[in-house]
Amino acid sequence: MKRENVVMMAQASWALPLVAMGINVVSSSQPRDIRSAMAVVGMVIYVLALVLGVVALAYVPKFGREKIFTNALVGTILSAGLIALVVVFVTLVLPRLHP
């Protein structure tokens, strides 16, 4: 794998969660079925961003930290945090809203 590809993966790992959050915000005013579909799309994007961040972090020893480490670390933490929030919401909050 080329260094440029790893840099792009690291940058995508923090940019994709922002795109997914934007999709969720835009879809919040849509009908329920569209909101549900967009929520699934958002979760898939969060997981994809997490995978990209972890893979980019794995290449740090080979290509060095410059332009990779910070981007990948931020993306990994952001994605993992958002996934955790979604899991907490779905398991704890959502059942109380719709008993």
C-alpha atoms as a PDB file:
ATOM      1  CA  MET A   1       0.000   0.000   0.000  1.00  0.00           C
ATOM      2  CA  LYS A   2       1.221   3.503  -0.816  1.00  0.00           C
ATOM      3  CA  ARG A   3       1.700   6.200   1.802  1.00  0.00           C
ATOM      4  CA  GLU A   4      -0.734   8.507  -0.008  1.00  0.00           C
ATOM      5  CA  ASN A   5      -3.498   5.916   0.348  1.00  0.00           C
ATOM      6  CA  VAL A   6      -2.860   5.608   4.075  1.00  0.00           C
ATOM      7  CA  VAL A   7      -2.968   9.409   4.446  1.00  0.00           C
ATOM      8  CA  MET A   8      -6.325   9.458   2.621  1.00  0.00           C
ATOM      9  CA  MET A   9      -7.652   6.679   4.881  1.00  0.00           C
ATOM     10  CA  ALA A  10      -6.583   8.654   7.957  1.00  0.00           C
ATOM     11  CA  GLN A  11      -8.266  11.811   6.679  1.00  0.00           C
ATOM     12  CA  ALA A  12     -11.418   9.924   5.706  1.00  0.00           C
ATOM     13  CA  SER A  13     -11.587   8.381   9.175  1.00  0.00           C
ATOM     14  CA  TRP A  14     -12.428  11.761  10.731  1.00  0.00           C
ATOM     15  CA  ALA A  15     -14.291  13.271   7.771  1.00  0.00           C
ATOM     16  CA  LEU A  16     -16.761  10.415   7.244  1.00  0.00           C
ATOM     17  CA  PRO A  17     -18.343  10.668  10.722  1.00  0.00           C
ATOM     18  CA  LEU A  18     -18.990  14.356  10.066  1.00  0.00           C
ATOM     19  CA  VAL A  19     -20.699  13.449   6.787  1.00  0.00           C
ATOM     20  CA  ALA A  20     -22.790  10.816   8.574  1.00  0.00           C
ATOM     21  CA  MET A  21     -23.834  13.322  11.249  1.00  0.00           C
ATOM     22  CA  GLY A  22     -24.853  15.712   8.475  1.00  0.00           C
ATOM     23  CA  ILE A  23     -26.930  12.984   6.843  1.00  0.00           C
ATOM     24  CA  ASN A  24     -28.648  12.277  10.158  1.00  0.00           C
ATOM     25  CA  VAL A  25     -29.401  15.965  10.729  1.00  0.00           C
ATOM     26  CA  VAL A  26     -30.805  16.444   7.229  1.00  0.00           C
ATOM     27  CA  SER A  27     -32.912  13.295   7.456  1.00  0.00           C
ATOM     28  CA  SER A  28     -34.397  14.233  10.848  1.00  0.00           C
ATOM     29  CA  SER A  29     -37.241  16.107   9.159  1.00  0.00           C
ATOM     30  CA  GLN A  30     -38.048  13.225   6.790  1.00  0.00           C
ATOM     31  CA  PRO A  31     -40.711  10.523   7.239  1.00  0.00           C
ATOM     32  CA  ARG A  32     -39.937   7.747   9.695  1.00  0.00           C
ATOM     33  CA  ASP A  33     -38.935   5.100   7.130  1.00  0.00           C
ATOM     34  CA  ILE A  34     -36.427   7.452   5.487  1.00  0.00           C
ATOM     35  CA  ARG A  35     -35.040   8.447   8.912  1.00  0.00           C
ATOM     36  CA  SER A  36     -34.596   4.787   9.794  1.00  0.00           C
ATOM     37  CA  ALA A  37     -32.800   4.047   6.537  1.00  0.00           C
ATOM     38  CA  MET A  38     -30.528   7.054   6.958  1.00  0.00           C
ATOM     39  CA  ALA A  39     -29.757   6.009  10.535  1.00  0.00           C
ATOM     40  CA  VAL A  40     -28.572   2.648   9.229  1.00  0.00           C
ATOM     41  CA  VAL A  41     -26.497   4.379   6.540  1.00  0.00           C
ATOM     42  CA  GLY A  42     -24.995   6.624   9.215  1.00  0.00           C
ATOM     43  CA  MET A  43     -24.073   3.652  11.394  1.00  0.00           C
ATOM     44  CA  VAL A  44     -22.424   1.898   8.437  1.00  0.00           C
ATOM     45  CA  ILE A  45     -20.407   5.053   7.756  1.00  0.00           C
ATOM     46  CA  TYR A  46     -19.337   5.242  11.424  1.00  0.00           C
ATOM     47  CA  VAL A  47     -18.120   1.636  11.313  1.00  0.00           C
ATOM     48  CA  LEU A  48     -16.344   2.226   7.997  1.00  0.00           C
ATOM     49  CA  ALA A  49     -14.604   5.283   9.430  1.00  0.00           C
ATOM     50  CA  LEU A  50     -13.543   3.287  12.491  1.00  0.00           C
ATOM     51  CA  VAL A  51     -12.053   0.555  10.302  1.00  0.00           C
ATOM     52  CA  LEU A  52     -10.221   3.106   8.149  1.00  0.00           C
ATOM     53  CA  GLY A  53      -8.796   4.791  11.239  1.00  0.00           C
ATOM     54  CA  VAL A  54      -7.566   1.537  12.757  1.00  0.00           C
ATOM     55  CA  VAL A  55      -6.006   0.421   9.473  1.00  0.00           C
ATOM     56  CA  ALA A  56      -4.280   3.793   9.073  1.00  0.00           C
ATOM     57  CA  LEU A  57      -2.961   3.559  12.639  1.00  0.00           C
ATOM     58  CA  ALA A  58      -1.585   0.105  11.838  1.00  0.00           C
ATOM     59  CA  TYR A  59       0.501   1.627   9.031  1.00  0.00           C
ATOM     60  CA  VAL A  60       2.084   4.324  11.236  1.00  0.00           C
ATOM     61  CA  PRO A  61       5.193   2.198  11.991  1.00  0.00           C
ATOM     62  CA  LYS A  62       5.761   1.666   8.259  1.00  0.00           C
ATOM     63  CA  PHE A  63       5.114   5.215   6.979  1.00  0.00           C
ATOM     64  CA  GLY A  64       5.685   7.445  10.008  1.00  0.00           C
ATOM     65  CA  ARG A  65       3.395   9.681  12.020  1.00  0.00           C
ATOM     66  CA  GLU A  66       3.279  12.728   9.734  1.00  0.00           C
ATOM     67  CA  LYS A  67      -0.241  13.326   8.337  1.00  0.00           C
ATOM     68  CA  ILE A  68      -1.373   9.887   9.478  1.00  0.00           C
ATOM     69  CA  PHE A  69      -1.283   9.463  13.239  1.00  0.00           C
ATOM     70  CA  THR A  70      -3.284  12.480  14.424  1.00  0.00           C
ATOM     71  CA  ASN A  71      -5.907  12.206  11.674  1.00  0.00           C
ATOM     72  CA  ALA A  72      -6.355   8.476  12.231  1.00  0.00           C
ATOM     73  CA  LEU A  73      -6.437   8.827  16.020  1.00  0.00           C
ATOM     74  CA  VAL A  74      -9.057  11.583  15.901  1.00  0.00           C
ATOM     75  CA  GLY A  75     -11.130   9.600  13.414  1.00  0.00           C
ATOM     76  CA  THR A  76     -10.900   6.416  15.447  1.00  0.00           C
ATOM     77  CA  ILE A  77     -11.880   8.132  18.699  1.00  0.00           C
ATOM     78  CA  LEU A  78     -14.692  10.092  17.023  1.00  0.00           C
ATOM     79  CA  SER A  79     -16.112   7.023  15.285  1.00  0.00           C
ATOM     80  CA  ALA A  80     -15.861   4.811  18.362  1.00  0.00           C
ATOM     81  CA  GLY A  81     -17.527   7.495  20.478  1.00  0.00           C
ATOM     82  CA  LEU A  82     -20.381   7.938  18.035  1.00  0.00           C
ATOM     83  CA  ILE A  83     -20.893   4.187  17.753  1.00  0.00           C
ATOM     84  CA  ALA A  84     -21.006   3.972  21.551  1.00  0.00           C
ATOM     85  CA  LEU A  85     -23.595   6.776  21.686  1.00  0.00           C
ATOM     86  CA  VAL A  86     -25.773   5.041  19.105  1.00  0.00           C
ATOM     87  CA  VAL A  87     -25.554   1.730  20.973  1.00  0.00           C
ATOM     88  CA  VAL A  88     -26.470   3.402  24.279  1.00  0.00           C
ATOM     89  CA  PHE A  89     -29.362   5.249  22.643  1.00  0.00           C
ATOM     90  CA  VAL A  90     -30.741   2.157  20.940  1.00  0.00           C
ATOM     91  CA  THR A  91     -30.412  -0.112  23.987  1.00  0.00           C
ATOM     92  CA  LEU A  92     -31.326   2.261  26.831  1.00  0.00           C
ATOM     93  CA  VAL A  93     -33.224   5.295  25.569  1.00  0.00           C
ATOM     94  CA  LEU A  94     -35.232   4.042  22.610  1.00  0.00           C
ATOM     95  CA  PRO A  95     -37.079   1.292  24.534  1.00  0.00           C
ATOM     96  CA  ARG A  96     -38.246   3.871  27.065  1.00  0.00           C
ATOM     97  CA  LEU A  97     -39.592   6.144  24.344  1.00  0.00           C
ATOM     98  CA  HIS A  98     -41.592   3.338  22.736  1.00  0.00           C
ATOM     99  CA  PRO A  99     -42.680   0.924  25.492  1.00  0.00           C
END
